[in-house]
């Protein structure tokens, strides 16, 4: 059985890396259903998660979703698809997950800003304040201001992996 976070990540991977508008939700009673979960005692895989699709995936589409999952997450479960998918195809494709440079640059800028502002909040909660110089004793730091107000020479950005960038884009796409 997948924990709630992994189940949501699987649904989001299918939605984000499948063809546009491939998933659909339906209403059952008072609930919206985007992914069905069930247990099958007589099946090879006891726990099943079914993502309703508007059509069957092509072999290439299915392989891309599986490859995206394996690239982004360290999931320890088997994926079985009910469309015409061949697991042996994964090693024989030239598909590669990548982000175009413009999107990557924008995502890194957004991630850097988010990380810095989270750091500022943490430091302020610990009693630090902005000042013209660094002082550990007085809890003063010159970079303790919002990213937008921070001079360029004080901006520091951690390096992000492609997987982190893809996850950021997935979570923040409109």
C-alpha atoms as a PDB file:
ATOM      1  CA  UNK A   1       0.000   0.000   0.000  1.00  0.00           C
ATOM      2  CA  UNK A   2       1.296   3.452  -0.854  1.00  0.00           C
ATOM      3  CA  UNK A   3       1.314   6.170   1.755  1.00  0.00           C
ATOM      4  CA  UNK A   4      -0.799   9.237   0.965  1.00  0.00           C
ATOM      5  CA  UNK A   5       2.169  11.277  -0.291  1.00  0.00           C
ATOM      6  CA  UNK A   6       3.360   8.545  -2.698  1.00  0.00           C
ATOM      7  CA  UNK A   7      -0.167   7.962  -4.006  1.00  0.00           C
ATOM      8  CA  UNK A   8      -0.562  11.678  -4.701  1.00  0.00           C
ATOM      9  CA  UNK A   9       2.878  11.776  -6.362  1.00  0.00           C
ATOM     10  CA  UNK A  10       1.879   8.889  -8.643  1.00  0.00           C
ATOM     11  CA  UNK A  11      -1.355  10.634  -9.657  1.00  0.00           C
ATOM     12  CA  UNK A  12       0.509  13.913 -10.245  1.00  0.00           C
ATOM     13  CA  UNK A  13       3.144  12.121 -12.360  1.00  0.00           C
ATOM     14  CA  UNK A  14       0.462  10.583 -14.593  1.00  0.00           C
ATOM     15  CA  UNK A  15      -1.299  13.940 -14.888  1.00  0.00           C
ATOM     16  CA  UNK A  16       1.875  15.964 -15.525  1.00  0.00           C
ATOM     17  CA  UNK A  17       3.778  13.615 -17.820  1.00  0.00           C
ATOM     18  CA  UNK A  18       0.887  12.055 -19.694  1.00  0.00           C
ATOM     19  CA  UNK A  19      -0.712  13.738 -22.678  1.00  0.00           C
ATOM     20  CA  UNK A  20      -2.522  16.978 -21.908  1.00  0.00           C
ATOM     21  CA  UNK A  21      -5.945  16.442 -20.331  1.00  0.00           C
ATOM     22  CA  UNK A  22      -5.506  12.645 -20.273  1.00  0.00           C
ATOM     23  CA  UNK A  23      -6.869  12.234 -16.744  1.00  0.00           C
ATOM     24  CA  UNK A  24     -10.385  12.929 -15.659  1.00  0.00           C
ATOM     25  CA  UNK A  25     -12.256  13.082 -12.386  1.00  0.00           C
ATOM     26  CA  UNK A  26     -15.807  12.030 -11.743  1.00  0.00           C
ATOM     27  CA  UNK A  27     -18.243  12.545  -8.938  1.00  0.00           C
ATOM     28  CA  UNK A  28     -19.468   9.630  -6.862  1.00  0.00           C
ATOM     29  CA  UNK A  29     -21.968  10.647  -4.234  1.00  0.00           C
ATOM     30  CA  UNK A  30     -20.519  13.726  -2.570  1.00  0.00           C
ATOM     31  CA  UNK A  31     -16.900  12.927  -3.489  1.00  0.00           C
ATOM     32  CA  UNK A  32     -14.774  13.811  -6.490  1.00  0.00           C
ATOM     33  CA  UNK A  33     -12.766  10.787  -7.620  1.00  0.00           C
ATOM     34  CA  UNK A  34      -9.434  11.403  -9.370  1.00  0.00           C
ATOM     35  CA  UNK A  35      -7.795   8.071  -8.520  1.00  0.00           C
ATOM     36  CA  UNK A  36      -9.435   4.865  -7.384  1.00  0.00           C
ATOM     37  CA  UNK A  37      -7.893   2.593  -4.776  1.00  0.00           C
ATOM     38  CA  UNK A  38      -8.772  -1.020  -4.195  1.00  0.00           C
ATOM     39  CA  UNK A  39      -7.578  -4.308  -2.745  1.00  0.00           C
ATOM     40  CA  UNK A  40      -7.723  -7.522  -4.735  1.00  0.00           C
ATOM     41  CA  UNK A  41      -6.969 -10.654  -2.702  1.00  0.00           C
ATOM     42  CA  UNK A  42      -6.763 -12.899  -5.796  1.00  0.00           C
ATOM     43  CA  UNK A  43      -4.523 -10.567  -7.836  1.00  0.00           C
ATOM     44  CA  UNK A  44      -0.767 -10.533  -8.300  1.00  0.00           C
ATOM     45  CA  UNK A  45      -0.729  -6.973  -6.964  1.00  0.00           C
ATOM     46  CA  UNK A  46      -3.005  -6.768  -3.930  1.00  0.00           C
ATOM     47  CA  UNK A  47      -3.166  -2.974  -3.744  1.00  0.00           C
ATOM     48  CA  UNK A  48      -4.292  -1.178  -6.899  1.00  0.00           C
ATOM     49  CA  UNK A  49      -4.419   2.505  -7.768  1.00  0.00           C
ATOM     50  CA  UNK A  50      -6.396   3.307 -10.898  1.00  0.00           C
ATOM     51  CA  UNK A  51      -6.061   6.703 -12.548  1.00  0.00           C
ATOM     52  CA  UNK A  52      -9.074   7.192 -14.857  1.00  0.00           C
ATOM     53  CA  UNK A  53      -8.001   8.238 -18.357  1.00  0.00           C
ATOM     54  CA  UNK A  54     -10.012   9.626 -21.245  1.00  0.00           C
ATOM     55  CA  UNK A  55      -8.361   7.080 -23.587  1.00  0.00           C
ATOM     56  CA  UNK A  56      -5.724   4.368 -23.584  1.00  0.00           C
ATOM     57  CA  UNK A  57      -2.129   5.558 -23.606  1.00  0.00           C
ATOM     58  CA  UNK A  58       0.158   4.737 -26.476  1.00  0.00           C
ATOM     59  CA  UNK A  59       3.210   2.650 -25.674  1.00  0.00           C
ATOM     60  CA  UNK A  60       5.439   5.728 -25.900  1.00  0.00           C
ATOM     61  CA  UNK A  61       3.166   7.809 -23.640  1.00  0.00           C
ATOM     62  CA  UNK A  62       3.030   5.073 -21.007  1.00  0.00           C
ATOM     63  CA  UNK A  63       6.800   4.552 -21.121  1.00  0.00           C
ATOM     64  CA  UNK A  64       7.359   8.280 -20.641  1.00  0.00           C
ATOM     65  CA  UNK A  65       5.151   8.369 -17.525  1.00  0.00           C
ATOM     66  CA  UNK A  66       6.942   5.371 -16.031  1.00  0.00           C
ATOM     67  CA  UNK A  67      10.330   6.885 -16.848  1.00  0.00           C
ATOM     68  CA  UNK A  68       9.269  10.183 -15.235  1.00  0.00           C
ATOM     69  CA  UNK A  69       8.204   8.325 -12.091  1.00  0.00           C
ATOM     70  CA  UNK A  70      11.458   6.388 -11.873  1.00  0.00           C
ATOM     71  CA  UNK A  71      13.482   9.562 -12.467  1.00  0.00           C
ATOM     72  CA  UNK A  72      11.678  11.716  -9.907  1.00  0.00           C
ATOM     73  CA  UNK A  73      10.898   9.239  -7.140  1.00  0.00           C
ATOM     74  CA  UNK A  74      12.406   6.173  -5.586  1.00  0.00           C
ATOM     75  CA  UNK A  75       9.160   4.237  -5.638  1.00  0.00           C
ATOM     76  CA  UNK A  76       9.307   0.635  -4.541  1.00  0.00           C
ATOM     77  CA  UNK A  77       6.246  -0.730  -6.287  1.00  0.00           C
ATOM     78  CA  UNK A  78       5.300  -2.285  -9.597  1.00  0.00           C
ATOM     79  CA  UNK A  79       3.451  -0.371 -12.261  1.00  0.00           C
ATOM     80  CA  UNK A  80       0.968  -2.289 -14.353  1.00  0.00           C
ATOM     81  CA  UNK A  81      -0.847  -0.535 -17.146  1.00  0.00           C
ATOM     82  CA  UNK A  82      -4.022  -1.680 -18.813  1.00  0.00           C
ATOM     83  CA  UNK A  83      -3.123  -0.127 -22.170  1.00  0.00           C
ATOM     84  CA  UNK A  84      -0.673  -1.438 -24.743  1.00  0.00           C
ATOM     85  CA  UNK A  85       2.483  -0.830 -22.720  1.00  0.00           C
ATOM     86  CA  UNK A  86       5.675  -2.885 -22.993  1.00  0.00           C
ATOM     87  CA  UNK A  87       8.038  -2.546 -20.009  1.00  0.00           C
ATOM     88  CA  UNK A  88      10.924  -3.736 -22.194  1.00  0.00           C
ATOM     89  CA  UNK A  89      10.569  -0.583 -24.246  1.00  0.00           C
ATOM     90  CA  UNK A  90      12.086   1.614 -21.546  1.00  0.00           C
ATOM     91  CA  UNK A  91      15.649   0.661 -22.344  1.00  0.00           C
ATOM     92  CA  UNK A  92      15.139   1.150 -26.077  1.00  0.00           C
ATOM     93  CA  UNK A  93      13.894   4.719 -26.253  1.00  0.00           C
ATOM     94  CA  UNK A  94      15.634   7.994 -26.744  1.00  0.00           C
ATOM     95  CA  UNK A  95      13.218   9.780 -24.423  1.00  0.00           C
ATOM     96  CA  UNK A  96      14.815  11.921 -21.794  1.00  0.00           C
ATOM     97  CA  UNK A  97      13.283  14.123 -19.164  1.00  0.00           C
ATOM     98  CA  UNK A  98      14.532  17.617 -19.551  1.00  0.00           C
ATOM     99  CA  UNK A  99      13.468  21.186 -19.045  1.00  0.00           C
ATOM    100  CA  UNK A 100      14.042  23.838 -21.696  1.00  0.00           C
ATOM    101  CA  UNK A 101      16.584  26.475 -20.685  1.00  0.00           C
ATOM    102  CA  UNK A 102      14.071  29.316 -20.367  1.00  0.00           C
ATOM    103  CA  UNK A 103      11.831  27.294 -18.040  1.00  0.00           C
ATOM    104  CA  UNK A 104      14.872  26.042 -16.117  1.00  0.00           C
ATOM    105  CA  UNK A 105      16.211  29.586 -15.628  1.00  0.00           C
ATOM    106  CA  UNK A 106      12.802  30.828 -14.463  1.00  0.00           C
ATOM    107  CA  UNK A 107      12.327  27.856 -12.113  1.00  0.00           C
ATOM    108  CA  UNK A 108      15.794  28.318 -10.572  1.00  0.00           C
ATOM    109  CA  UNK A 109      15.055  32.010  -9.995  1.00  0.00           C
ATOM    110  CA  UNK A 110      11.742  31.160  -8.310  1.00  0.00           C
ATOM    111  CA  UNK A 111      13.304  28.352  -6.260  1.00  0.00           C
ATOM    112  CA  UNK A 112      16.166  30.601  -5.138  1.00  0.00           C
ATOM    113  CA  UNK A 113      13.742  33.317  -4.058  1.00  0.00           C
ATOM    114  CA  UNK A 114      11.541  30.812  -2.200  1.00  0.00           C
ATOM    115  CA  UNK A 115      14.540  29.211  -0.437  1.00  0.00           C
ATOM    116  CA  UNK A 116      15.992  32.572   0.597  1.00  0.00           C
ATOM    117  CA  UNK A 117      12.701  33.908   1.923  1.00  0.00           C
ATOM    118  CA  UNK A 118      12.173  30.669   3.877  1.00  0.00           C
ATOM    119  CA  UNK A 119      15.684  31.115   5.357  1.00  0.00           C
ATOM    120  CA  UNK A 120      14.855  34.736   6.312  1.00  0.00           C
ATOM    121  CA  UNK A 121      11.671  33.624   8.090  1.00  0.00           C
ATOM    122  CA  UNK A 122      13.611  30.957   9.986  1.00  0.00           C
ATOM    123  CA  UNK A 123      16.338  33.381  11.049  1.00  0.00           C
ATOM    124  CA  UNK A 124      13.836  36.058  12.164  1.00  0.00           C
ATOM    125  CA  UNK A 125      12.032  33.413  14.234  1.00  0.00           C
ATOM    126  CA  UNK A 126      15.374  32.717  15.935  1.00  0.00           C
ATOM    127  CA  UNK A 127      15.772  36.399  16.832  1.00  0.00           C
ATOM    128  CA  UNK A 128      18.051  37.547  13.995  1.00  0.00           C
ATOM    129  CA  UNK A 129      17.637  40.945  12.323  1.00  0.00           C
ATOM    130  CA  UNK A 130      18.992  42.815   9.332  1.00  0.00           C
ATOM    131  CA  UNK A 131      22.124  44.922   9.767  1.00  0.00           C
ATOM    132  CA  UNK A 132      24.961  46.367   7.687  1.00  0.00           C
ATOM    133  CA  UNK A 133      27.449  43.677   8.802  1.00  0.00           C
ATOM    134  CA  UNK A 134      27.400  40.092  10.102  1.00  0.00           C
ATOM    135  CA  UNK A 135      27.534  39.582  13.873  1.00  0.00           C
ATOM    136  CA  UNK A 136      26.847  36.190  15.405  1.00  0.00           C
ATOM    137  CA  UNK A 137      26.823  37.649  18.923  1.00  0.00           C
ATOM    138  CA  UNK A 138      24.297  40.375  18.048  1.00  0.00           C
ATOM    139  CA  UNK A 139      22.359  38.154  15.613  1.00  0.00           C
ATOM    140  CA  UNK A 140      22.754  40.592  12.736  1.00  0.00           C
ATOM    141  CA  UNK A 141      23.058  39.553   9.079  1.00  0.00           C
ATOM    142  CA  UNK A 142      23.248  41.798   5.974  1.00  0.00           C
ATOM    143  CA  UNK A 143      21.322  39.272   3.840  1.00  0.00           C
ATOM    144  CA  UNK A 144      18.352  39.219   6.189  1.00  0.00           C
ATOM    145  CA  UNK A 145      15.858  40.919   3.902  1.00  0.00           C
ATOM    146  CA  UNK A 146      13.459  39.710   1.251  1.00  0.00           C
ATOM    147  CA  UNK A 147      14.979  38.355  -1.959  1.00  0.00           C
ATOM    148  CA  UNK A 148      13.547  41.242  -3.968  1.00  0.00           C
ATOM    149  CA  UNK A 149      15.270  43.776  -1.666  1.00  0.00           C
ATOM    150  CA  UNK A 150      18.542  41.850  -1.536  1.00  0.00           C
ATOM    151  CA  UNK A 151      21.460  43.349  -3.506  1.00  0.00           C
ATOM    152  CA  UNK A 152      22.647  41.103  -6.326  1.00  0.00           C
ATOM    153  CA  UNK A 153      26.062  40.575  -4.669  1.00  0.00           C
ATOM    154  CA  UNK A 154      24.329  39.046  -1.602  1.00  0.00           C
ATOM    155  CA  UNK A 155      22.105  36.661  -3.556  1.00  0.00           C
ATOM    156  CA  UNK A 156      23.170  33.052  -3.160  1.00  0.00           C
ATOM    157  CA  UNK A 157      21.395  30.146  -4.727  1.00  0.00           C
ATOM    158  CA  UNK A 158      21.869  26.480  -3.935  1.00  0.00           C
ATOM    159  CA  UNK A 159      22.366  24.232  -6.917  1.00  0.00           C
ATOM    160  CA  UNK A 160      19.283  22.276  -7.879  1.00  0.00           C
ATOM    161  CA  UNK A 161      19.157  18.910  -9.605  1.00  0.00           C
ATOM    162  CA  UNK A 162      17.092  18.431 -12.753  1.00  0.00           C
ATOM    163  CA  UNK A 163      14.696  16.254 -10.735  1.00  0.00           C
ATOM    164  CA  UNK A 164      14.180  19.067  -8.192  1.00  0.00           C
ATOM    165  CA  UNK A 165      13.562  21.549 -11.017  1.00  0.00           C
ATOM    166  CA  UNK A 166      11.048  19.225 -12.699  1.00  0.00           C
ATOM    167  CA  UNK A 167       9.265  18.679  -9.375  1.00  0.00           C
ATOM    168  CA  UNK A 168       9.125  22.454  -8.801  1.00  0.00           C
ATOM    169  CA  UNK A 169       7.694  23.025 -12.279  1.00  0.00           C
ATOM    170  CA  UNK A 170       5.130  20.241 -11.729  1.00  0.00           C
ATOM    171  CA  UNK A 171       3.980  21.689  -8.399  1.00  0.00           C
ATOM    172  CA  UNK A 172       3.870  25.288  -9.600  1.00  0.00           C
ATOM    173  CA  UNK A 173       2.578  25.057 -13.146  1.00  0.00           C
ATOM    174  CA  UNK A 174      -0.671  26.817 -13.823  1.00  0.00           C
END
